[in-house]
């Protein structure tokens, strides 16, 4: 099963939940807040729901540059699930009307819509992990990581 990614308010919040190597922490300092998602192992005693933890004991997490989302995470003092707003397999939504139209005939409905206006059309975040001491790009997205940083 595909687990949803998380967004956090800041690096300190991330480090309460996951173990970041020195290399991944360096990436976080360079590219957060921004479109970089890091896959890292959860910390022992993490308060994260098992629903967001992958079978290998890791989670995908980032510090978003979206001010409203980051503020929500900060005020609630927890990372938030950050899935796309569109129905799986449907086109990406950039405004609330488009989202509502996609869910109009669905049995399951969102509990709440937060309309922050029309979103900028962007690529998804770049996802990285560390394997055997090297940074590996799992999904190329908006952030292009200089070759000198990756395996």
Protein backbone atom coordinates (compact mmCIF):
# COMPACT_ATOMS: atom_id res chain seq x y z
CA UNK A 1 0.00 0.00 0.00
CA UNK A 2 1.20 3.49 -0.82
CA UNK A 3 1.61 5.59 2.32
CA UNK A 4 0.87 9.32 2.22
CA UNK A 5 3.68 11.86 2.53
CA UNK A 6 3.86 14.30 5.42
CA UNK A 7 4.60 17.99 5.72
CA UNK A 8 6.08 19.56 8.81
CA UNK A 9 6.42 23.11 10.06
CA UNK A 10 10.20 23.01 10.44
CA UNK A 11 13.30 20.85 10.70
CA UNK A 12 12.96 20.51 14.49
CA UNK A 13 9.51 18.94 14.04
CA UNK A 14 10.89 16.54 11.43
CA UNK A 15 13.70 15.47 13.73
CA UNK A 16 11.24 14.65 16.53
CA UNK A 17 9.76 11.99 14.24
CA UNK A 18 12.56 10.66 12.03
CA UNK A 19 16.28 9.93 12.13
CA UNK A 20 18.19 12.15 9.72
CA UNK A 21 21.76 11.29 8.84
CA UNK A 22 24.24 14.15 8.61
CA UNK A 23 23.90 14.03 4.82
CA UNK A 24 20.08 14.22 4.87
CA UNK A 25 20.20 17.01 7.47
CA UNK A 26 22.55 18.92 5.12
CA UNK A 27 19.97 18.50 2.34
CA UNK A 28 17.23 19.73 4.64
CA UNK A 29 19.22 22.88 5.46
CA UNK A 30 19.92 23.51 1.78
CA UNK A 31 16.45 22.94 0.33
CA UNK A 32 13.82 23.46 3.07
CA UNK A 33 11.34 24.96 3.09
CA UNK A 34 10.80 23.78 -0.45
CA UNK A 35 9.90 20.97 -2.84
CA UNK A 36 12.20 18.32 -1.33
CA UNK A 37 10.73 15.20 0.31
CA UNK A 38 13.07 13.05 2.36
CA UNK A 39 12.41 9.38 3.03
CA UNK A 40 13.91 8.53 6.43
CA UNK A 41 13.47 5.95 9.21
CA UNK A 42 11.10 6.84 12.02
CA UNK A 43 12.54 7.42 15.47
CA UNK A 44 11.84 4.92 18.19
CA UNK A 45 8.87 6.23 20.15
CA UNK A 46 7.64 8.37 17.23
CA UNK A 47 4.05 9.55 17.59
CA UNK A 48 3.30 9.05 13.88
CA UNK A 49 0.30 6.96 12.91
CA UNK A 50 1.16 3.52 11.50
CA UNK A 51 -0.92 4.54 8.45
CA UNK A 52 1.88 6.89 7.30
CA UNK A 53 4.78 4.53 8.00
CA UNK A 54 6.04 2.42 5.10
CA UNK A 55 6.66 -1.30 5.52
CA UNK A 56 10.40 -0.67 5.86
CA UNK A 57 9.86 1.68 8.83
CA UNK A 58 10.39 4.91 6.91
CA UNK A 59 8.23 7.93 6.14
CA UNK A 60 8.28 10.54 3.39
CA UNK A 61 8.40 14.01 4.95
CA UNK A 62 9.20 17.58 3.96
CA UNK A 63 9.00 21.16 5.15
CA UNK A 64 6.74 22.86 2.64
CA UNK A 65 7.21 26.38 1.35
CA UNK A 66 3.40 26.81 1.37
CA UNK A 67 2.82 29.24 4.23
CA UNK A 68 -0.74 28.13 5.08
CA UNK A 69 0.17 24.44 5.25
CA UNK A 70 3.30 25.14 7.27
CA UNK A 71 1.37 27.35 9.68
CA UNK A 72 -1.31 24.66 10.17
CA UNK A 73 1.39 22.12 11.01
CA UNK A 74 3.07 24.58 13.38
CA UNK A 75 -0.16 25.53 15.17
CA UNK A 76 -1.24 21.88 15.54
CA UNK A 77 2.34 20.95 16.53
CA UNK A 78 2.32 17.80 14.34
CA UNK A 79 3.24 16.84 10.79
CA UNK A 80 0.23 16.71 8.44
CA UNK A 81 -0.67 14.26 5.71
CA UNK A 82 -0.04 16.02 2.41
CA UNK A 83 -1.66 14.15 -0.41
CA UNK A 84 -2.67 15.82 -3.64
CA UNK A 85 -6.18 17.23 -3.69
CA UNK A 86 -7.30 15.35 -6.79
CA UNK A 87 -8.96 11.94 -6.95
CA UNK A 88 -6.37 9.23 -7.68
CA UNK A 89 -5.96 8.81 -11.43
CA UNK A 90 -7.69 12.12 -12.22
CA UNK A 91 -6.00 15.30 -13.43
CA UNK A 92 -4.27 17.55 -10.92
CA UNK A 93 -6.46 20.23 -9.33
CA UNK A 94 -5.30 23.80 -8.79
CA UNK A 95 -8.49 25.40 -7.44
CA UNK A 96 -11.30 24.45 -5.06
CA UNK A 97 -14.01 24.23 -7.74
CA UNK A 98 -12.02 21.62 -9.66
CA UNK A 99 -11.51 19.56 -6.48
CA UNK A 100 -15.20 19.73 -5.56
CA UNK A 101 -16.18 18.69 -9.10
CA UNK A 102 -13.95 15.60 -8.92
CA UNK A 103 -15.51 14.53 -5.62
CA UNK A 104 -19.11 15.41 -6.59
CA UNK A 105 -20.18 11.85 -7.45
CA UNK A 106 -17.90 10.00 -5.01
CA UNK A 107 -19.30 8.00 -2.12
CA UNK A 108 -16.52 9.20 0.19
CA UNK A 109 -16.31 12.95 0.53
CA UNK A 110 -13.69 15.25 2.07
CA UNK A 111 -14.65 16.34 5.58
CA UNK A 112 -13.46 19.87 4.98
CA UNK A 113 -12.19 22.11 2.19
CA UNK A 114 -9.70 24.89 2.90
CA UNK A 115 -9.73 27.29 -0.03
CA UNK A 116 -6.42 29.13 -0.33
CA UNK A 117 -7.13 30.42 -3.81
CA UNK A 118 -5.73 29.19 -7.11
CA UNK A 119 -2.51 27.26 -6.64
CA UNK A 120 0.54 27.80 -8.82
CA UNK A 121 1.06 24.98 -11.32
CA UNK A 122 4.21 23.19 -10.23
CA UNK A 123 5.83 19.79 -10.50
CA UNK A 124 5.59 17.54 -7.43
CA UNK A 125 8.40 17.55 -4.90
CA UNK A 126 11.62 15.69 -5.57
CA UNK A 127 11.91 12.63 -3.30
CA UNK A 128 15.28 11.47 -1.98
CA UNK A 129 16.57 8.82 0.39
CA UNK A 130 19.98 7.76 1.59
CA UNK A 131 21.22 4.32 0.52
CA UNK A 132 24.63 3.09 1.68
CA UNK A 133 25.75 6.64 2.46
CA UNK A 134 24.72 8.09 -0.90
CA UNK A 135 21.75 10.29 -1.75
CA UNK A 136 19.43 8.60 -4.25
CA UNK A 137 16.66 10.43 -6.13
CA UNK A 138 13.53 8.28 -5.88
CA UNK A 139 11.35 10.69 -7.88
CA UNK A 140 12.56 13.64 -9.90
CA UNK A 141 10.27 16.58 -9.29
CA UNK A 142 10.51 20.35 -9.22
CA UNK A 143 13.82 20.49 -7.38
CA UNK A 144 16.81 19.53 -9.49
CA UNK A 145 19.58 18.42 -7.18
CA UNK A 146 23.09 19.17 -8.44
CA UNK A 147 24.91 15.98 -9.52
CA UNK A 148 27.69 16.67 -7.04
CA UNK A 149 25.22 15.87 -4.24
CA UNK A 150 23.84 12.56 -5.45
CA UNK A 151 25.15 9.06 -6.05
